[in-house]
N, C-alpha and C. Protein backbone atom coordinates (compact mmCIF):
# COMPACT_ATOMS: atom_id res chain seq x y z
N MET A 1 11.11 -3.96 17.50
CA MET A 1 11.91 -2.75 17.37
C MET A 1 13.36 -3.11 17.09
N GLU A 2 13.85 -4.13 17.76
CA GLU A 2 15.25 -4.53 17.55
C GLU A 2 15.45 -5.04 16.13
N LYS A 3 14.43 -5.71 15.59
CA LYS A 3 14.50 -6.21 14.21
C LYS A 3 14.67 -5.04 13.24
N LEU A 4 13.93 -3.98 13.47
CA LEU A 4 14.03 -2.78 12.63
C LEU A 4 15.39 -2.12 12.80
N ARG A 5 15.84 -1.99 14.03
CA ARG A 5 17.14 -1.37 14.30
C ARG A 5 18.26 -2.14 13.58
N GLU A 6 18.23 -3.47 13.66
CA GLU A 6 19.26 -4.30 13.03
C GLU A 6 19.19 -4.20 11.50
N ALA A 7 17.98 -4.22 10.94
CA ALA A 7 17.83 -4.12 9.49
C ALA A 7 18.36 -2.79 8.97
N LEU A 8 18.10 -1.73 9.69
CA LEU A 8 18.63 -0.42 9.29
C LEU A 8 20.14 -0.39 9.42
N ARG A 9 20.66 -0.96 10.49
CA ARG A 9 22.11 -0.99 10.70
C ARG A 9 22.80 -1.74 9.55
N GLU A 10 22.21 -2.85 9.11
CA GLU A 10 22.78 -3.62 7.99
C GLU A 10 22.82 -2.81 6.71
N ARG A 11 21.94 -1.83 6.58
CA ARG A 11 21.89 -0.97 5.39
C ARG A 11 22.67 0.32 5.58
N GLY A 12 23.40 0.41 6.68
CA GLY A 12 24.21 1.59 6.94
C GLY A 12 23.42 2.77 7.47
N SER A 13 22.24 2.51 8.03
CA SER A 13 21.40 3.56 8.58
C SER A 13 21.18 3.29 10.07
N ARG A 14 20.59 4.26 10.73
CA ARG A 14 20.27 4.06 12.14
C ARG A 14 18.78 4.32 12.36
N LEU A 15 18.32 3.90 13.52
CA LEU A 15 16.91 4.08 13.86
C LEU A 15 16.74 5.48 14.43
N THR A 16 16.29 6.39 13.59
CA THR A 16 16.08 7.78 14.00
C THR A 16 14.67 7.94 14.56
N PRO A 17 14.40 9.05 15.24
CA PRO A 17 13.03 9.30 15.71
C PRO A 17 12.02 9.32 14.56
N GLN A 18 12.43 9.82 13.40
CA GLN A 18 11.52 9.87 12.25
C GLN A 18 11.19 8.45 11.76
N ARG A 19 12.19 7.61 11.65
CA ARG A 19 11.95 6.23 11.19
C ARG A 19 11.10 5.46 12.19
N LEU A 20 11.36 5.68 13.47
CA LEU A 20 10.55 5.04 14.50
C LEU A 20 9.11 5.53 14.42
N ALA A 21 8.91 6.81 14.18
CA ALA A 21 7.55 7.37 14.06
C ALA A 21 6.82 6.76 12.87
N ILE A 22 7.51 6.56 11.77
CA ILE A 22 6.90 5.94 10.58
C ILE A 22 6.43 4.53 10.93
N TYR A 23 7.31 3.77 11.57
CA TYR A 23 6.96 2.40 11.97
C TYR A 23 5.77 2.40 12.92
N GLU A 24 5.81 3.22 13.94
CA GLU A 24 4.73 3.25 14.94
C GLU A 24 3.41 3.71 14.33
N HIS A 25 3.49 4.70 13.44
CA HIS A 25 2.28 5.19 12.78
C HIS A 25 1.63 4.08 11.96
N LEU A 26 2.43 3.38 11.20
CA LEU A 26 1.91 2.30 10.36
C LEU A 26 1.39 1.16 11.22
N ARG A 27 2.11 0.83 12.27
CA ARG A 27 1.70 -0.25 13.17
C ARG A 27 0.36 0.06 13.84
N ASP A 28 0.12 1.33 14.16
CA ASP A 28 -1.04 1.71 14.95
C ASP A 28 -2.28 2.08 14.14
N THR A 29 -2.19 2.08 12.81
CA THR A 29 -3.34 2.48 11.99
C THR A 29 -3.94 1.27 11.29
N LYS A 30 -5.21 1.36 11.01
CA LYS A 30 -5.90 0.33 10.22
C LYS A 30 -6.26 0.85 8.84
N SER A 31 -5.77 2.05 8.50
CA SER A 31 -6.21 2.71 7.26
C SER A 31 -5.43 2.32 6.01
N HIS A 32 -4.36 1.56 6.12
CA HIS A 32 -3.58 1.14 4.97
C HIS A 32 -3.11 2.35 4.15
N PRO A 33 -2.32 3.23 4.77
CA PRO A 33 -1.95 4.49 4.11
C PRO A 33 -0.89 4.33 3.03
N SER A 34 -0.82 5.33 2.19
CA SER A 34 0.27 5.43 1.21
C SER A 34 1.45 6.13 1.89
N ALA A 35 2.61 6.10 1.25
CA ALA A 35 3.78 6.81 1.77
C ALA A 35 3.49 8.30 1.88
N GLU A 36 2.79 8.84 0.89
CA GLU A 36 2.46 10.26 0.89
C GLU A 36 1.55 10.63 2.06
N THR A 37 0.61 9.75 2.38
CA THR A 37 -0.29 9.99 3.51
C THR A 37 0.49 9.99 4.82
N ILE A 38 1.36 9.01 4.99
CA ILE A 38 2.18 8.94 6.20
C ILE A 38 3.03 10.19 6.33
N TYR A 39 3.65 10.58 5.23
CA TYR A 39 4.48 11.79 5.22
C TYR A 39 3.65 13.00 5.66
N GLY A 40 2.47 13.16 5.09
CA GLY A 40 1.62 14.29 5.43
C GLY A 40 1.19 14.31 6.89
N GLU A 41 0.96 13.12 7.43
CA GLU A 41 0.51 13.04 8.82
C GLU A 41 1.65 13.24 9.83
N LEU A 42 2.89 12.99 9.43
CA LEU A 42 4.01 13.11 10.36
C LEU A 42 4.85 14.37 10.18
N LYS A 43 4.70 15.04 9.06
CA LYS A 43 5.56 16.18 8.72
C LYS A 43 5.52 17.30 9.75
N ALA A 44 4.36 17.61 10.29
CA ALA A 44 4.26 18.71 11.27
C ALA A 44 5.03 18.39 12.55
N ARG A 45 4.99 17.14 12.95
CA ARG A 45 5.71 16.72 14.16
C ARG A 45 7.20 16.56 13.93
N TYR A 46 7.58 16.22 12.71
CA TYR A 46 8.99 16.00 12.35
C TYR A 46 9.32 16.83 11.12
N PRO A 47 9.60 18.12 11.29
CA PRO A 47 9.83 19.02 10.15
C PRO A 47 10.98 18.58 9.24
N SER A 48 11.95 17.85 9.77
CA SER A 48 13.08 17.43 8.93
C SER A 48 12.78 16.14 8.16
N LEU A 49 11.60 15.56 8.37
CA LEU A 49 11.22 14.33 7.67
C LEU A 49 11.11 14.56 6.17
N SER A 50 11.69 13.65 5.39
CA SER A 50 11.57 13.75 3.93
C SER A 50 10.70 12.60 3.41
N LEU A 51 10.08 12.81 2.27
CA LEU A 51 9.29 11.76 1.65
C LEU A 51 10.18 10.57 1.29
N ASN A 52 11.41 10.84 0.92
CA ASN A 52 12.35 9.77 0.61
C ASN A 52 12.59 8.87 1.83
N THR A 53 12.70 9.46 3.01
CA THR A 53 12.88 8.68 4.24
C THR A 53 11.67 7.78 4.48
N VAL A 54 10.48 8.31 4.22
CA VAL A 54 9.27 7.51 4.38
C VAL A 54 9.31 6.31 3.43
N TYR A 55 9.60 6.56 2.17
CA TYR A 55 9.67 5.46 1.19
C TYR A 55 10.73 4.43 1.58
N GLN A 56 11.91 4.87 1.95
CA GLN A 56 12.98 3.94 2.31
C GLN A 56 12.62 3.13 3.55
N THR A 57 12.02 3.78 4.53
CA THR A 57 11.64 3.07 5.75
C THR A 57 10.56 2.05 5.46
N LEU A 58 9.57 2.40 4.66
CA LEU A 58 8.53 1.46 4.30
C LEU A 58 9.09 0.26 3.54
N GLN A 59 10.07 0.50 2.68
CA GLN A 59 10.70 -0.60 1.95
C GLN A 59 11.40 -1.55 2.92
N VAL A 60 12.12 -1.00 3.89
CA VAL A 60 12.79 -1.84 4.88
C VAL A 60 11.77 -2.62 5.71
N LEU A 61 10.70 -1.94 6.15
CA LEU A 61 9.67 -2.62 6.93
C LEU A 61 9.05 -3.77 6.16
N ASP A 62 8.82 -3.58 4.87
CA ASP A 62 8.27 -4.63 4.02
C ASP A 62 9.27 -5.78 3.89
N GLU A 63 10.52 -5.46 3.65
CA GLU A 63 11.55 -6.49 3.45
C GLU A 63 11.77 -7.35 4.69
N ILE A 64 11.66 -6.77 5.87
CA ILE A 64 11.94 -7.53 7.10
C ILE A 64 10.68 -8.11 7.74
N GLY A 65 9.52 -7.89 7.10
CA GLY A 65 8.30 -8.52 7.57
C GLY A 65 7.58 -7.79 8.69
N LEU A 66 7.88 -6.52 8.91
CA LEU A 66 7.15 -5.74 9.92
C LEU A 66 5.98 -4.97 9.31
N ALA A 67 5.87 -5.00 8.00
CA ALA A 67 4.77 -4.38 7.28
C ALA A 67 4.66 -5.09 5.94
N GLN A 68 3.60 -4.80 5.23
CA GLN A 68 3.48 -5.35 3.88
C GLN A 68 2.99 -4.30 2.91
N LYS A 69 3.60 -4.31 1.75
CA LYS A 69 3.20 -3.43 0.66
C LYS A 69 2.04 -4.12 -0.04
N LEU A 70 0.95 -3.38 -0.20
CA LEU A 70 -0.24 -3.97 -0.79
C LEU A 70 -0.35 -3.64 -2.27
N PRO A 71 -0.65 -4.63 -3.08
CA PRO A 71 -0.82 -4.38 -4.51
C PRO A 71 -2.20 -3.80 -4.78
N VAL A 72 -2.25 -2.51 -5.01
CA VAL A 72 -3.51 -1.86 -5.37
C VAL A 72 -3.40 -1.36 -6.80
N GLU A 73 -4.53 -1.08 -7.39
CA GLU A 73 -4.55 -0.74 -8.81
C GLU A 73 -4.21 0.72 -9.10
N SER A 74 -4.13 1.54 -8.08
CA SER A 74 -3.88 2.97 -8.30
C SER A 74 -2.40 3.25 -8.51
N ARG A 75 -2.09 4.51 -8.60
CA ARG A 75 -0.72 4.94 -8.87
C ARG A 75 0.18 4.85 -7.65
N GLU A 76 -0.37 4.81 -6.44
CA GLU A 76 0.47 4.80 -5.25
C GLU A 76 0.26 3.54 -4.43
N ALA A 77 1.37 2.97 -3.97
CA ALA A 77 1.31 1.77 -3.15
C ALA A 77 0.70 2.10 -1.80
N ARG A 78 0.11 1.11 -1.18
CA ARG A 78 -0.45 1.26 0.16
C ARG A 78 0.25 0.25 1.06
N TYR A 79 0.26 0.53 2.35
CA TYR A 79 1.02 -0.27 3.29
C TYR A 79 0.16 -0.70 4.47
N ASP A 80 0.46 -1.88 4.99
CA ASP A 80 -0.26 -2.43 6.13
C ASP A 80 0.76 -2.76 7.22
N GLY A 81 0.54 -2.22 8.39
CA GLY A 81 1.42 -2.49 9.52
C GLY A 81 1.19 -3.85 10.15
N ASN A 82 0.16 -4.54 9.74
CA ASN A 82 -0.12 -5.89 10.22
C ASN A 82 0.43 -6.86 9.18
N ALA A 83 1.59 -7.42 9.46
CA ALA A 83 2.25 -8.29 8.49
C ALA A 83 1.90 -9.76 8.69
N THR A 84 0.97 -10.06 9.60
CA THR A 84 0.56 -11.45 9.78
C THR A 84 -0.33 -11.86 8.63
N GLY A 85 -0.48 -13.15 8.42
CA GLY A 85 -1.28 -13.65 7.31
C GLY A 85 -2.75 -13.28 7.46
N HIS A 86 -3.24 -12.43 6.60
CA HIS A 86 -4.65 -12.09 6.56
C HIS A 86 -4.98 -11.57 5.17
N ALA A 87 -6.24 -11.47 4.89
CA ALA A 87 -6.68 -11.04 3.56
C ALA A 87 -7.17 -9.59 3.61
N HIS A 88 -7.33 -9.02 2.42
CA HIS A 88 -7.81 -7.65 2.29
C HIS A 88 -8.97 -7.58 1.30
N LEU A 89 -9.91 -6.70 1.59
CA LEU A 89 -10.94 -6.30 0.64
C LEU A 89 -10.51 -4.95 0.10
N ILE A 90 -10.44 -4.81 -1.22
CA ILE A 90 -10.00 -3.55 -1.84
C ILE A 90 -11.08 -3.08 -2.79
N CYS A 91 -11.59 -1.87 -2.52
CA CYS A 91 -12.61 -1.30 -3.39
C CYS A 91 -11.93 -0.71 -4.63
N LEU A 92 -12.37 -1.12 -5.79
CA LEU A 92 -11.80 -0.63 -7.05
C LEU A 92 -12.20 0.80 -7.36
N GLU A 93 -13.23 1.32 -6.69
CA GLU A 93 -13.68 2.68 -6.94
C GLU A 93 -13.00 3.69 -6.02
N CYS A 94 -13.18 3.54 -4.71
CA CYS A 94 -12.64 4.52 -3.75
C CYS A 94 -11.27 4.12 -3.22
N GLU A 95 -10.85 2.89 -3.48
CA GLU A 95 -9.56 2.34 -3.09
C GLU A 95 -9.37 2.20 -1.59
N ARG A 96 -10.48 2.21 -0.82
CA ARG A 96 -10.36 1.90 0.60
C ARG A 96 -10.03 0.43 0.73
N ILE A 97 -9.36 0.10 1.83
CA ILE A 97 -8.92 -1.27 2.07
C ILE A 97 -9.36 -1.68 3.47
N TRP A 98 -9.90 -2.88 3.57
CA TRP A 98 -10.31 -3.44 4.86
C TRP A 98 -9.56 -4.74 5.08
N ASP A 99 -9.20 -5.00 6.33
CA ASP A 99 -8.63 -6.29 6.70
C ASP A 99 -9.75 -7.30 6.88
N ILE A 100 -9.47 -8.53 6.51
CA ILE A 100 -10.34 -9.66 6.85
C ILE A 100 -9.46 -10.57 7.69
N ASP A 101 -9.68 -10.59 8.97
CA ASP A 101 -8.82 -11.38 9.85
C ASP A 101 -9.36 -12.78 10.05
N GLY A 102 -10.34 -12.91 10.89
CA GLY A 102 -10.83 -14.22 11.31
C GLY A 102 -11.27 -15.13 10.19
N GLU A 103 -12.13 -14.63 9.30
CA GLU A 103 -12.67 -15.48 8.24
C GLU A 103 -11.61 -15.93 7.24
N ALA A 104 -10.58 -15.13 7.04
CA ALA A 104 -9.62 -15.42 5.98
C ALA A 104 -8.52 -16.37 6.41
N LEU A 105 -8.27 -16.47 7.68
CA LEU A 105 -7.13 -17.28 8.13
C LEU A 105 -7.18 -18.72 7.66
N PRO A 106 -8.33 -19.41 7.72
CA PRO A 106 -8.33 -20.78 7.19
C PRO A 106 -7.97 -20.83 5.71
N ALA A 107 -8.46 -19.87 4.91
CA ALA A 107 -8.13 -19.87 3.48
C ALA A 107 -6.65 -19.61 3.26
N VAL A 108 -6.09 -18.67 4.01
CA VAL A 108 -4.67 -18.36 3.87
C VAL A 108 -3.82 -19.56 4.27
N SER A 109 -4.17 -20.20 5.38
CA SER A 109 -3.38 -21.36 5.81
C SER A 109 -3.53 -22.52 4.82
N GLU A 110 -4.68 -22.64 4.17
CA GLU A 110 -4.85 -23.69 3.16
C GLU A 110 -3.98 -23.42 1.95
N ILE A 111 -3.85 -22.17 1.56
CA ILE A 111 -2.95 -21.81 0.46
C ILE A 111 -1.52 -22.20 0.83
N ASP A 112 -1.11 -21.85 2.04
CA ASP A 112 0.23 -22.22 2.51
C ASP A 112 0.42 -23.74 2.47
N ARG A 113 -0.58 -24.47 2.94
CA ARG A 113 -0.48 -25.94 2.98
C ARG A 113 -0.34 -26.51 1.57
N GLN A 114 -1.14 -26.01 0.63
CA GLN A 114 -1.05 -26.48 -0.75
C GLN A 114 0.31 -26.16 -1.37
N ALA A 115 0.81 -24.96 -1.09
CA ALA A 115 2.12 -24.57 -1.62
C ALA A 115 3.21 -25.47 -1.07
N GLU A 116 3.16 -25.74 0.22
CA GLU A 116 4.19 -26.58 0.85
C GLU A 116 4.10 -28.02 0.35
N LYS A 117 2.87 -28.49 0.02
CA LYS A 117 2.71 -29.83 -0.55
C LYS A 117 3.46 -29.94 -1.87
N LYS A 118 3.56 -28.84 -2.58
CA LYS A 118 4.26 -28.82 -3.86
C LYS A 118 5.74 -28.51 -3.70
N GLY A 119 6.22 -28.48 -2.44
CA GLY A 119 7.63 -28.24 -2.19
C GLY A 119 8.00 -26.77 -2.15
N PHE A 120 7.02 -25.89 -2.15
CA PHE A 120 7.27 -24.45 -2.16
C PHE A 120 7.35 -23.97 -0.72
N LYS A 121 8.45 -23.32 -0.35
CA LYS A 121 8.60 -22.79 1.01
C LYS A 121 7.97 -21.40 1.07
N VAL A 122 6.88 -21.28 1.82
CA VAL A 122 6.17 -20.02 1.93
C VAL A 122 6.90 -19.12 2.93
N VAL A 123 7.22 -17.92 2.49
CA VAL A 123 7.86 -16.93 3.34
C VAL A 123 6.80 -16.00 3.93
N ARG A 124 5.89 -15.57 3.09
CA ARG A 124 4.74 -14.78 3.50
C ARG A 124 3.72 -14.84 2.38
N ASN A 125 2.52 -14.39 2.68
CA ASN A 125 1.49 -14.43 1.66
C ASN A 125 0.58 -13.22 1.79
N GLN A 126 -0.12 -12.94 0.72
CA GLN A 126 -1.11 -11.88 0.69
C GLN A 126 -2.29 -12.39 -0.14
N VAL A 127 -3.47 -12.14 0.37
CA VAL A 127 -4.68 -12.47 -0.37
C VAL A 127 -5.50 -11.19 -0.48
N GLN A 128 -5.85 -10.81 -1.69
CA GLN A 128 -6.64 -9.61 -1.94
C GLN A 128 -7.93 -10.00 -2.65
N VAL A 129 -9.02 -9.39 -2.23
CA VAL A 129 -10.30 -9.55 -2.89
C VAL A 129 -10.69 -8.17 -3.40
N TYR A 130 -10.83 -8.04 -4.71
CA TYR A 130 -11.17 -6.75 -5.33
C TYR A 130 -12.65 -6.71 -5.66
N GLY A 131 -13.25 -5.57 -5.43
CA GLY A 131 -14.66 -5.40 -5.73
C GLY A 131 -15.09 -3.96 -5.52
N VAL A 132 -16.37 -3.76 -5.27
CA VAL A 132 -16.92 -2.43 -5.05
C VAL A 132 -17.60 -2.45 -3.68
N CYS A 133 -17.19 -1.51 -2.82
CA CYS A 133 -17.71 -1.47 -1.45
C CYS A 133 -19.17 -1.00 -1.43
N PRO A 134 -19.87 -1.22 -0.33
CA PRO A 134 -21.28 -0.82 -0.23
C PRO A 134 -21.50 0.68 -0.46
N ASP A 135 -20.59 1.53 0.06
CA ASP A 135 -20.74 2.97 -0.14
C ASP A 135 -20.69 3.34 -1.62
N CYS A 136 -19.73 2.78 -2.35
CA CYS A 136 -19.62 3.09 -3.78
C CYS A 136 -20.78 2.50 -4.57
N GLN A 137 -21.26 1.33 -4.15
CA GLN A 137 -22.45 0.74 -4.81
C GLN A 137 -23.65 1.66 -4.64
N ALA A 138 -23.80 2.21 -3.43
CA ALA A 138 -24.94 3.09 -3.14
C ALA A 138 -24.87 4.37 -3.97
N LYS A 139 -23.65 4.79 -4.32
CA LYS A 139 -23.47 5.99 -5.14
C LYS A 139 -23.60 5.69 -6.62
N GLY A 140 -23.86 4.42 -6.95
CA GLY A 140 -24.06 4.05 -8.34
C GLY A 140 -22.78 3.86 -9.12
N ARG A 141 -21.67 3.66 -8.45
CA ARG A 141 -20.39 3.45 -9.12
C ARG A 141 -20.28 2.04 -9.65
């Protein structure tokens, strides 16, 4: 929380209840929501919340490592409140996203090791596996 407060302060902003709610919502969900989804889920509780505030807060969270922006193929970015090294499964049809924690960590750490062998300082990483989920396969997609 202090990391977020300091990052906002450096940008001339403060940690408002709305910004804290955005952070907590993202931290507590496994659904990898878009900014629009977060806005829709918090708007009733915070009537003064703007979509712009959601976007700006998500950008700050991504920049300071408290969240990660996920590269998906659709028109809207998705966000993960778990910024630790892990991989994602992304369905190209329904665009649902799943975390792969345990199995992916050795692969992620091996990527880091190979990068560092080449003199590359790893700041963070993302591994995405794109495909079609079982539900979409069953629907013939």
